[in-house]
Amino acid sequence: MNRRQLINQIFTKKSFLCVGLDTDINKIPGHLLKEEDPVLAFNKAIIDATAPYCVAYKPNLAFYECYGLKGMSAFEKTIQYIKENHPGHFIIADAKRGDIGNTSKMYAQTFFEEYNLDSVTVAPYMGEDSVRPFLEYNGKWVILLALTSNKGSHDFQLTEDAQGERLFEKVLKKSQEWGTPDNLMYVVGATQGKMFEDIRRLAPDHFLLVPGVGAQGGSLQEVCKYGITKDCGLLVNSSRGIIYASKAENFAEVAAQKAKELQAEMETELEKIR
């Protein structure tokens, strides 16, 4: 999915919601455990229920890799299910890859050729040659970690050099030499609030993937106040706040309601820029 197609989806659906499929078998409703593949059954129900209200899905690889071959089978079947039943949705592999060139080349092949996904999250710590292989695929996106929502983000990302430039600012500046707003996004946590002003000063046109709204306490309104652009420029992710909103048999209906509520808030924010 290219940039124009993504923007069209956002304004057509009046939503920039991404639903995170962080599926933990210990948290899904108990009645699904009798299914042959409980993770896949849960994902299908969540996807069907939330598809009208979101534009993207973000399965987190850790929640599938931890179950070995069975988990990766559920991941692959989940991807196939989205593509076959809800083909207009942007799909993000939340994998946080990034290694020396040859290794990154294989990671890129995995997500962009084998699974044919739209995007993958990548860690920038090892520099250009660890990111470049992901950027060589036309129509695919790298989502580079910039300023994350976790407490530990302060350990490195906010450290300053002698000139007062913070590490996340170096990442934003340098990485724009490698990619463009058409193939490079950044992860910026919703809990960073007013820091979105600093992000937008350095990356005014790039899309931002924003986790941390909902269960982590980030404010959608604050994210939009400082981060939204004329093209929206945001994919706001909610995982636990939607998919685990209920453990009852009507869990999918409850998830749909939570997604609908967020979509309604997003529609209000989009009306302000159009």
C-alpha atoms as a PDB file:
ATOM      1  CA  MET A   1       0.000   0.000   0.000  1.00  0.00           C
ATOM      2  CA  ASN A   2       1.527   3.321  -1.033  1.00  0.00           C
ATOM      3  CA  ARG A   3       1.209   6.652   0.771  1.00  0.00           C
ATOM      4  CA  ARG A   4      -1.687   7.951  -1.331  1.00  0.00           C
ATOM      5  CA  GLN A   5      -3.651   4.728  -0.872  1.00  0.00           C
ATOM      6  CA  LEU A   6      -3.107   4.852   2.882  1.00  0.00           C
ATOM      7  CA  ILE A   7      -4.254   8.471   3.087  1.00  0.00           C
ATOM      8  CA  ASN A   8      -7.323   7.664   1.007  1.00  0.00           C
ATOM      9  CA  GLN A   9      -8.202   4.806   3.345  1.00  0.00           C
ATOM     10  CA  ILE A  10      -7.892   7.075   6.365  1.00  0.00           C
ATOM     11  CA  PHE A  11     -10.185   9.782   5.021  1.00  0.00           C
ATOM     12  CA  THR A  12     -12.641   7.326   3.472  1.00  0.00           C
ATOM     13  CA  LYS A  13     -13.073   5.386   6.720  1.00  0.00           C
ATOM     14  CA  LYS A  14     -12.664   8.498   8.885  1.00  0.00           C
ATOM     15  CA  SER A  15     -10.209   6.557  10.996  1.00  0.00           C
ATOM     16  CA  PHE A  16      -6.486   6.241  11.582  1.00  0.00           C
ATOM     17  CA  LEU A  17      -6.867   3.376  14.032  1.00  0.00           C
ATOM     18  CA  CYS A  18      -4.467   0.452  14.049  1.00  0.00           C
ATOM     19  CA  VAL A  19      -5.523  -2.597  16.059  1.00  0.00           C
ATOM     20  CA  GLY A  20      -2.642  -4.448  17.678  1.00  0.00           C
ATOM     21  CA  LEU A  21      -2.974  -8.219  17.579  1.00  0.00           C
ATOM     22  CA  ASP A  22      -0.881  -8.978  20.667  1.00  0.00           C
ATOM     23  CA  THR A  23      -2.655 -12.252  21.235  1.00  0.00           C
ATOM     24  CA  ASP A  24      -1.792 -13.981  24.514  1.00  0.00           C
ATOM     25  CA  ILE A  25      -3.448 -17.375  24.945  1.00  0.00           C
ATOM     26  CA  ASN A  26      -3.552 -16.735  28.712  1.00  0.00           C
ATOM     27  CA  LYS A  27      -5.752 -13.669  28.220  1.00  0.00           C
ATOM     28  CA  ILE A  28      -8.242 -14.756  25.584  1.00  0.00           C
ATOM     29  CA  PRO A  29     -11.759 -15.885  26.586  1.00  0.00           C
ATOM     30  CA  GLY A  30     -11.767 -19.374  28.052  1.00  0.00           C
ATOM     31  CA  HIS A  31     -14.376 -20.809  25.689  1.00  0.00           C
ATOM     32  CA  LEU A  32     -11.923 -20.412  22.787  1.00  0.00           C
ATOM     33  CA  LEU A  33      -9.420 -22.801  24.331  1.00  0.00           C
ATOM     34  CA  LYS A  34     -11.400 -25.732  22.987  1.00  0.00           C
ATOM     35  CA  GLU A  35     -10.709 -24.556  19.431  1.00  0.00           C
ATOM     36  CA  GLU A  36      -8.041 -26.321  17.393  1.00  0.00           C
ATOM     37  CA  ASP A  37      -6.155 -23.019  17.121  1.00  0.00           C
ATOM     38  CA  PRO A  38      -7.389 -20.667  19.881  1.00  0.00           C
ATOM     39  CA  VAL A  39      -5.099 -17.807  18.821  1.00  0.00           C
ATOM     40  CA  LEU A  40      -6.354 -17.881  15.246  1.00  0.00           C
ATOM     41  CA  ALA A  41      -9.983 -18.181  16.346  1.00  0.00           C
ATOM     42  CA  PHE A  42      -9.564 -15.163  18.612  1.00  0.00           C
ATOM     43  CA  ASN A  43      -7.827 -13.132  15.901  1.00  0.00           C
ATOM     44  CA  LYS A  44     -10.497 -13.894  13.297  1.00  0.00           C
ATOM     45  CA  ALA A  45     -13.256 -12.752  15.622  1.00  0.00           C
ATOM     46  CA  ILE A  46     -11.403  -9.565  16.585  1.00  0.00           C
ATOM     47  CA  ILE A  47     -10.561  -8.761  12.963  1.00  0.00           C
ATOM     48  CA  ASP A  48     -14.123  -9.231  11.706  1.00  0.00           C
ATOM     49  CA  ALA A  49     -15.498  -7.137  14.557  1.00  0.00           C
ATOM     50  CA  THR A  50     -13.062  -4.224  14.279  1.00  0.00           C
ATOM     51  CA  ALA A  51     -12.468  -4.065  10.509  1.00  0.00           C
ATOM     52  CA  PRO A  52     -15.127  -1.367   9.892  1.00  0.00           C
ATOM     53  CA  TYR A  53     -13.441   0.983  12.359  1.00  0.00           C
ATOM     54  CA  CYS A  54      -9.721   0.627  11.648  1.00  0.00           C
ATOM     55  CA  VAL A  55      -7.344   0.978   8.718  1.00  0.00           C
ATOM     56  CA  ALA A  56      -4.494  -1.217   9.941  1.00  0.00           C
ATOM     57  CA  TYR A  57      -3.597  -4.325  11.933  1.00  0.00           C
ATOM     58  CA  LYS A  58      -0.330  -4.851  13.800  1.00  0.00           C
ATOM     59  CA  PRO A  59       0.448  -8.385  14.898  1.00  0.00           C
ATOM     60  CA  ASN A  60       3.352  -8.393  17.355  1.00  0.00           C
ATOM     61  CA  LEU A  61       5.686 -11.245  16.398  1.00  0.00           C
ATOM     62  CA  ALA A  62       6.682 -11.982  19.993  1.00  0.00           C
ATOM     63  CA  PHE A  63       3.162 -13.213  20.751  1.00  0.00           C
ATOM     64  CA  TYR A  64       3.431 -15.803  17.953  1.00  0.00           C
ATOM     65  CA  GLU A  65       7.094 -16.787  18.030  1.00  0.00           C
ATOM     66  CA  CYS A  66       6.768 -17.799  21.684  1.00  0.00           C
ATOM     67  CA  TYR A  67       4.569 -20.740  20.626  1.00  0.00           C
ATOM     68  CA  GLY A  68       7.035 -22.068  18.053  1.00  0.00           C
ATOM     69  CA  LEU A  69       5.748 -23.552  14.811  1.00  0.00           C
ATOM     70  CA  LYS A  70       2.139 -23.526  15.982  1.00  0.00           C
ATOM     71  CA  GLY A  71       2.369 -19.845  16.819  1.00  0.00           C
ATOM     72  CA  MET A  72       3.950 -18.926  13.507  1.00  0.00           C
ATOM     73  CA  SER A  73       1.267 -20.929  11.733  1.00  0.00           C
ATOM     74  CA  ALA A  74      -1.340 -18.819  13.548  1.00  0.00           C
ATOM     75  CA  PHE A  75       0.524 -15.671  12.503  1.00  0.00           C
ATOM     76  CA  GLU A  76       0.642 -16.721   8.857  1.00  0.00           C
ATOM     77  CA  LYS A  77      -3.019 -17.748   8.821  1.00  0.00           C
ATOM     78  CA  THR A  78      -3.969 -14.462  10.497  1.00  0.00           C
ATOM     79  CA  ILE A  79      -2.201 -12.539   7.735  1.00  0.00           C
ATOM     80  CA  GLN A  80      -3.923 -14.626   5.077  1.00  0.00           C
ATOM     81  CA  TYR A  81      -7.284 -14.059   6.737  1.00  0.00           C
ATOM     82  CA  ILE A  82      -6.860 -10.275   6.704  1.00  0.00           C
ATOM     83  CA  LYS A  83      -5.731 -10.265   3.066  1.00  0.00           C
ATOM     84  CA  GLU A  84      -8.595 -12.483   1.896  1.00  0.00           C
ATOM     85  CA  ASN A  85     -11.425 -10.997   3.955  1.00  0.00           C
ATOM     86  CA  HIS A  86     -10.379  -7.385   4.596  1.00  0.00           C
ATOM     87  CA  PRO A  87      -7.919  -6.606   1.804  1.00  0.00           C
ATOM     88  CA  GLY A  88      -7.998  -2.824   2.202  1.00  0.00           C
ATOM     89  CA  HIS A  89      -6.201  -2.903   5.535  1.00  0.00           C
ATOM     90  CA  PHE A  90      -2.561  -1.935   6.038  1.00  0.00           C
ATOM     91  CA  ILE A  91      -0.616  -4.714   7.809  1.00  0.00           C
ATOM     92  CA  ILE A  92       2.351  -4.042  10.072  1.00  0.00           C
ATOM     93  CA  ALA A  93       4.714  -6.742  11.293  1.00  0.00           C
ATOM     94  CA  ASP A  94       5.730  -5.478  14.722  1.00  0.00           C
ATOM     95  CA  ALA A  95       9.032  -7.322  14.737  1.00  0.00           C
ATOM     96  CA  LYS A  96      11.597  -4.631  15.679  1.00  0.00           C
ATOM     97  CA  ARG A  97      14.253  -6.194  13.494  1.00  0.00           C
ATOM     98  CA  GLY A  98      17.601  -4.622  12.593  1.00  0.00           C
ATOM     99  CA  ASP A  99      20.966  -6.348  12.249  1.00  0.00           C
ATOM    100  CA  ILE A 100      24.035  -6.339   9.992  1.00  0.00           C
ATOM    101  CA  GLY A 101      23.263  -6.034   6.293  1.00  0.00           C
ATOM    102  CA  ASN A 102      23.061  -9.698   5.266  1.00  0.00           C
ATOM    103  CA  THR A 103      20.857 -10.546   8.226  1.00  0.00           C
ATOM    104  CA  SER A 104      18.558  -7.572   7.636  1.00  0.00           C
ATOM    105  CA  LYS A 105      18.301  -8.627   4.007  1.00  0.00           C
ATOM    106  CA  MET A 106      16.896 -11.983   5.143  1.00  0.00           C
ATOM    107  CA  TYR A 107      14.517 -10.314   7.591  1.00  0.00           C
ATOM    108  CA  ALA A 108      13.268  -8.049   4.802  1.00  0.00           C
ATOM    109  CA  GLN A 109      12.771 -11.054   2.545  1.00  0.00           C
ATOM    110  CA  THR A 110      10.753 -12.775   5.269  1.00  0.00           C
ATOM    111  CA  PHE A 111       8.256  -9.969   5.777  1.00  0.00           C
ATOM    112  CA  PHE A 112       8.106  -8.430   2.306  1.00  0.00           C
ATOM    113  CA  GLU A 113       8.409 -11.508   0.076  1.00  0.00           C
ATOM    114  CA  GLU A 114       7.359 -14.538   2.111  1.00  0.00           C
ATOM    115  CA  TYR A 115       4.484 -12.828   3.989  1.00  0.00           C
ATOM    116  CA  ASN A 116       4.030  -9.894   1.575  1.00  0.00           C
ATOM    117  CA  LEU A 117       3.228  -7.440   4.370  1.00  0.00           C
ATOM    118  CA  ASP A 118       3.032  -3.676   3.989  1.00  0.00           C
ATOM    119  CA  SER A 119       5.514  -2.739   6.679  1.00  0.00           C
ATOM    120  CA  VAL A 120       7.824  -3.864   9.446  1.00  0.00           C
ATOM    121  CA  THR A 121       9.135  -2.131  12.558  1.00  0.00           C
ATOM    122  CA  VAL A 122      12.918  -1.770  12.617  1.00  0.00           C
ATOM    123  CA  ALA A 123      15.400  -0.749  15.321  1.00  0.00           C
ATOM    124  CA  PRO A 124      17.903   1.906  14.138  1.00  0.00           C
ATOM    125  CA  TYR A 125      20.712   1.295  16.636  1.00  0.00           C
ATOM    126  CA  MET A 126      23.053  -0.448  14.176  1.00  0.00           C
ATOM    127  CA  GLY A 127      22.773   2.280  11.570  1.00  0.00           C
ATOM    128  CA  GLU A 128      22.177   2.619   7.848  1.00  0.00           C
ATOM    129  CA  ASP A 129      23.335  -0.794   6.610  1.00  0.00           C
ATOM    130  CA  SER A 130      20.965  -2.479   9.075  1.00  0.00           C
ATOM    131  CA  VAL A 131      17.984  -0.496   7.754  1.00  0.00           C
ATOM    132  CA  ARG A 132      18.742  -0.093   4.057  1.00  0.00           C
ATOM    133  CA  PRO A 133      17.735  -3.648   2.976  1.00  0.00           C
ATOM    134  CA  PHE A 134      14.169  -3.026   4.171  1.00  0.00           C
ATOM    135  CA  LEU A 135      13.955   0.169   2.100  1.00  0.00           C
ATOM    136  CA  GLU A 136      14.778  -1.561  -1.179  1.00  0.00           C
ATOM    137  CA  TYR A 137      11.227  -2.877  -1.675  1.00  0.00           C
ATOM    138  CA  ASN A 138       8.894  -0.696  -3.717  1.00  0.00           C
ATOM    139  CA  GLY A 139       5.551  -0.083  -2.054  1.00  0.00           C
ATOM    140  CA  LYS A 140       6.776  -1.325   1.337  1.00  0.00           C
ATOM    141  CA  TRP A 141       7.413   0.655   4.492  1.00  0.00           C
ATOM    142  CA  VAL A 142      10.026   0.728   7.237  1.00  0.00           C
ATOM    143  CA  ILE A 143       8.686   1.936  10.595  1.00  0.00           C
ATOM    144  CA  LEU A 144      11.756   3.047  12.511  1.00  0.00           C
ATOM    145  CA  LEU A 145      11.822   3.271  16.297  1.00  0.00           C
ATOM    146  CA  ALA A 146      12.268   6.924  17.230  1.00  0.00           C
ATOM    147  CA  LEU A 147      10.773   7.836  20.619  1.00  0.00           C
ATOM    148  CA  THR A 148       8.989   4.984  22.340  1.00  0.00           C
ATOM    149  CA  SER A 149       6.319   4.942  25.042  1.00  0.00           C
ATOM    150  CA  ASN A 150       8.086   2.794  27.652  1.00  0.00           C
ATOM    151  CA  LYS A 151       9.746   4.157  30.790  1.00  0.00           C
ATOM    152  CA  GLY A 152      13.157   2.936  29.635  1.00  0.00           C
ATOM    153  CA  SER A 153      13.026   5.231  26.604  1.00  0.00           C
ATOM    154  CA  HIS A 154      14.730   7.815  28.834  1.00  0.00           C
ATOM    155  CA  ASP A 155      17.805   5.600  29.216  1.00  0.00           C
ATOM    156  CA  PHE A 156      19.088   6.308  25.707  1.00  0.00           C
ATOM    157  CA  GLN A 157      16.575   8.091  23.474  1.00  0.00           C
ATOM    158  CA  LEU A 158      16.522  11.325  25.478  1.00  0.00           C
ATOM    159  CA  THR A 159      20.241  11.526  26.237  1.00  0.00           C
ATOM    160  CA  GLU A 160      21.915  14.672  24.884  1.00  0.00           C
ATOM    161  CA  ASP A 161      25.264  15.300  23.237  1.00  0.00           C
ATOM    162  CA  ALA A 162      27.489  18.288  24.000  1.00  0.00           C
ATOM    163  CA  GLN A 163      25.391  20.471  21.705  1.00  0.00           C
ATOM    164  CA  GLY A 164      22.138  19.504  23.436  1.00  0.00           C
ATOM    165  CA  GLU A 165      20.865  17.302  20.608  1.00  0.00           C
ATOM    166  CA  ARG A 166      18.980  14.263  21.856  1.00  0.00           C
ATOM    167  CA  LEU A 167      19.560  10.787  20.461  1.00  0.00           C
ATOM    168  CA  PHE A 168      16.047  10.442  19.007  1.00  0.00           C
ATOM    169  CA  GLU A 169      16.633  13.704  17.130  1.00  0.00           C
ATOM    170  CA  LYS A 170      19.818  12.266  15.608  1.00  0.00           C
ATOM    171  CA  VAL A 171      17.828   9.201  14.522  1.00  0.00           C
ATOM    172  CA  LEU A 172      15.187  11.373  12.841  1.00  0.00           C
ATOM    173  CA  LYS A 173      17.728  13.544  11.036  1.00  0.00           C
ATOM    174  CA  LYS A 174      20.080  10.823   9.872  1.00  0.00           C
ATOM    175  CA  SER A 175      17.444   8.304   8.801  1.00  0.00           C
ATOM    176  CA  GLN A 176      15.840  10.813   6.445  1.00  0.00           C
ATOM    177  CA  GLU A 177      18.983  10.461   4.332  1.00  0.00           C
ATOM    178  CA  TRP A 178      18.007   6.807   3.793  1.00  0.00           C
ATOM    179  CA  GLY A 179      14.281   6.963   3.139  1.00  0.00           C
ATOM    180  CA  THR A 180      11.449   9.342   2.275  1.00  0.00           C
ATOM    181  CA  PRO A 181       7.923  10.093   3.536  1.00  0.00           C
ATOM    182  CA  ASP A 182       6.785   7.520   0.959  1.00  0.00           C
ATOM    183  CA  ASN A 183       8.564   4.551   2.558  1.00  0.00           C
ATOM    184  CA  LEU A 184       9.677   5.575   6.039  1.00  0.00           C
ATOM    185  CA  MET A 185       7.535   6.028   9.158  1.00  0.00           C
ATOM    186  CA  TYR A 186       8.536   6.473  12.786  1.00  0.00           C
ATOM    187  CA  VAL A 187       7.346   4.932  16.048  1.00  0.00           C
ATOM    188  CA  VAL A 188       6.509   7.635  18.574  1.00  0.00           C
ATOM    189  CA  GLY A 189       4.775   6.661  21.798  1.00  0.00           C
ATOM    190  CA  ALA A 190       1.503   8.371  22.698  1.00  0.00           C
ATOM    191  CA  THR A 191       2.777   8.938  26.222  1.00  0.00           C
ATOM    192  CA  GLN A 192       5.355  11.430  24.906  1.00  0.00           C
ATOM    193  CA  GLY A 193       2.648  14.118  24.582  1.00  0.00           C
ATOM    194  CA  LYS A 194       4.073  17.549  23.783  1.00  0.00           C
ATOM    195  CA  MET A 195       7.260  15.930  22.461  1.00  0.00           C
ATOM    196  CA  PHE A 196       5.350  15.423  19.218  1.00  0.00           C
ATOM    197  CA  GLU A 197       6.130  19.085  18.540  1.00  0.00           C
ATOM    198  CA  ASP A 198       9.819  18.234  18.449  1.00  0.00           C
ATOM    199  CA  ILE A 199       9.150  15.209  16.254  1.00  0.00           C
ATOM    200  CA  ARG A 200       7.146  17.272  13.773  1.00  0.00           C
ATOM    201  CA  ARG A 201       9.797  19.979  13.669  1.00  0.00           C
ATOM    202  CA  LEU A 202      12.256  17.389  12.333  1.00  0.00           C
ATOM    203  CA  ALA A 203       9.882  15.074  10.439  1.00  0.00           C
ATOM    204  CA  PRO A 204       6.925  17.207   9.317  1.00  0.00           C
ATOM    205  CA  ASP A 205       5.678  14.903   6.552  1.00  0.00           C
ATOM    206  CA  HIS A 206       6.398  11.365   7.725  1.00  0.00           C
ATOM    207  CA  PHE A 207       3.696   9.096   9.068  1.00  0.00           C
ATOM    208  CA  LEU A 208       4.002   8.215  12.740  1.00  0.00           C
ATOM    209  CA  LEU A 209       2.939   4.903  14.261  1.00  0.00           C
ATOM    210  CA  VAL A 210       1.718   5.803  17.724  1.00  0.00           C
ATOM    211  CA  PRO A 211       1.346   3.069  20.349  1.00  0.00           C
ATOM    212  CA  GLY A 212       0.314   3.760  23.915  1.00  0.00           C
ATOM    213  CA  VAL A 213      -3.247   5.060  23.539  1.00  0.00           C
ATOM    214  CA  GLY A 214      -5.645   3.278  25.882  1.00  0.00           C
ATOM    215  CA  ALA A 215      -4.115   0.787  28.290  1.00  0.00           C
ATOM    216  CA  GLN A 216      -0.808   2.703  28.481  1.00  0.00           C
ATOM    217  CA  GLY A 217      -2.543   5.990  29.237  1.00  0.00           C
ATOM    218  CA  GLY A 218      -1.722   8.055  26.152  1.00  0.00           C
ATOM    219  CA  SER A 219      -4.185  10.763  25.086  1.00  0.00           C
ATOM    220  CA  LEU A 220      -5.485  10.675  21.517  1.00  0.00           C
ATOM    221  CA  GLN A 221      -6.385  14.359  21.696  1.00  0.00           C
ATOM    222  CA  GLU A 222      -2.891  15.328  22.824  1.00  0.00           C
ATOM    223  CA  VAL A 223      -1.293  13.211  20.100  1.00  0.00           C
ATOM    224  CA  CYS A 224      -3.459  14.930  17.493  1.00  0.00           C
ATOM    225  CA  LYS A 225      -2.909  18.403  18.938  1.00  0.00           C
ATOM    226  CA  TYR A 226       0.824  18.154  18.377  1.00  0.00           C
ATOM    227  CA  GLY A 227       1.210  15.414  15.776  1.00  0.00           C
ATOM    228  CA  ILE A 228      -1.545  15.463  13.156  1.00  0.00           C
ATOM    229  CA  THR A 229      -0.839  16.881   9.673  1.00  0.00           C
ATOM    230  CA  LYS A 230      -2.950  17.861   6.668  1.00  0.00           C
ATOM    231  CA  ASP A 231      -2.596  14.251   5.437  1.00  0.00           C
ATOM    232  CA  CYS A 232      -3.314  12.963   8.962  1.00  0.00           C
ATOM    233  CA  GLY A 233       0.185  11.493   9.217  1.00  0.00           C
ATOM    234  CA  LEU A 234      -0.770   9.213  12.095  1.00  0.00           C
ATOM    235  CA  LEU A 235      -1.545   5.561  12.681  1.00  0.00           C
ATOM    236  CA  VAL A 236      -2.635   5.307  16.296  1.00  0.00           C
ATOM    237  CA  ASN A 237      -2.430   1.819  17.724  1.00  0.00           C
ATOM    238  CA  SER A 238      -4.536   0.283  20.458  1.00  0.00           C
ATOM    239  CA  SER A 239      -3.999  -3.318  21.498  1.00  0.00           C
ATOM    240  CA  ARG A 240      -5.044  -4.350  24.995  1.00  0.00           C
ATOM    241  CA  GLY A 241      -7.672  -1.612  25.281  1.00  0.00           C
ATOM    242  CA  ILE A 242      -9.583  -3.181  22.388  1.00  0.00           C
ATOM    243  CA  ILE A 243      -8.785  -6.868  22.103  1.00  0.00           C
ATOM    244  CA  TYR A 244      -8.966  -7.614  25.836  1.00  0.00           C
ATOM    245  CA  ALA A 245     -11.867  -5.325  26.687  1.00  0.00           C
ATOM    246  CA  SER A 246     -13.892  -8.409  27.640  1.00  0.00           C
ATOM    247  CA  LYS A 247     -13.306 -12.103  28.355  1.00  0.00           C
ATOM    248  CA  ALA A 248     -16.973 -12.982  27.948  1.00  0.00           C
ATOM    249  CA  GLU A 249     -18.371 -14.866  24.970  1.00  0.00           C
ATOM    250  CA  ASN A 250     -19.370 -11.537  23.392  1.00  0.00           C
ATOM    251  CA  PHE A 251     -15.732 -10.334  23.533  1.00  0.00           C
ATOM    252  CA  ALA A 252     -15.722  -9.473  19.826  1.00  0.00           C
ATOM    253  CA  GLU A 253     -18.797  -7.252  20.171  1.00  0.00           C
ATOM    254  CA  VAL A 254     -17.161  -5.401  23.067  1.00  0.00           C
ATOM    255  CA  ALA A 255     -13.956  -5.013  21.061  1.00  0.00           C
ATOM    256  CA  ALA A 256     -15.971  -3.597  18.170  1.00  0.00           C
ATOM    257  CA  GLN A 257     -17.588  -1.059  20.500  1.00  0.00           C
ATOM    258  CA  LYS A 258     -14.199   0.055  21.843  1.00  0.00           C
ATOM    259  CA  ALA A 259     -12.859   0.397  18.296  1.00  0.00           C
ATOM    260  CA  LYS A 260     -15.962   2.308  17.253  1.00  0.00           C
ATOM    261  CA  GLU A 261     -15.521   4.737  20.148  1.00  0.00           C
ATOM    262  CA  LEU A 262     -11.931   5.445  19.129  1.00  0.00           C
ATOM    263  CA  GLN A 263     -12.935   5.801  15.480  1.00  0.00           C
ATOM    264  CA  ALA A 264     -15.547   8.388  16.453  1.00  0.00           C
ATOM    265  CA  GLU A 265     -12.902  10.411  18.306  1.00  0.00           C
ATOM    266  CA  MET A 266     -10.619  10.145  15.279  1.00  0.00           C
ATOM    267  CA  GLU A 267     -13.370  11.332  12.948  1.00  0.00           C
ATOM    268  CA  THR A 268     -13.697  14.457  15.079  1.00  0.00           C
ATOM    269  CA  GLU A 269      -9.957  15.096  14.827  1.00  0.00           C
ATOM    270  CA  LEU A 270      -9.933  14.562  11.060  1.00  0.00           C
ATOM    271  CA  GLU A 271     -12.765  17.056  10.615  1.00  0.00           C
ATOM    272  CA  LYS A 272     -10.490  19.715  12.078  1.00  0.00           C
ATOM    273  CA  ILE A 273      -7.945  19.385   9.263  1.00  0.00           C
ATOM    274  CA  ARG A 274     -10.344  19.156   6.319  1.00  0.00           C
END
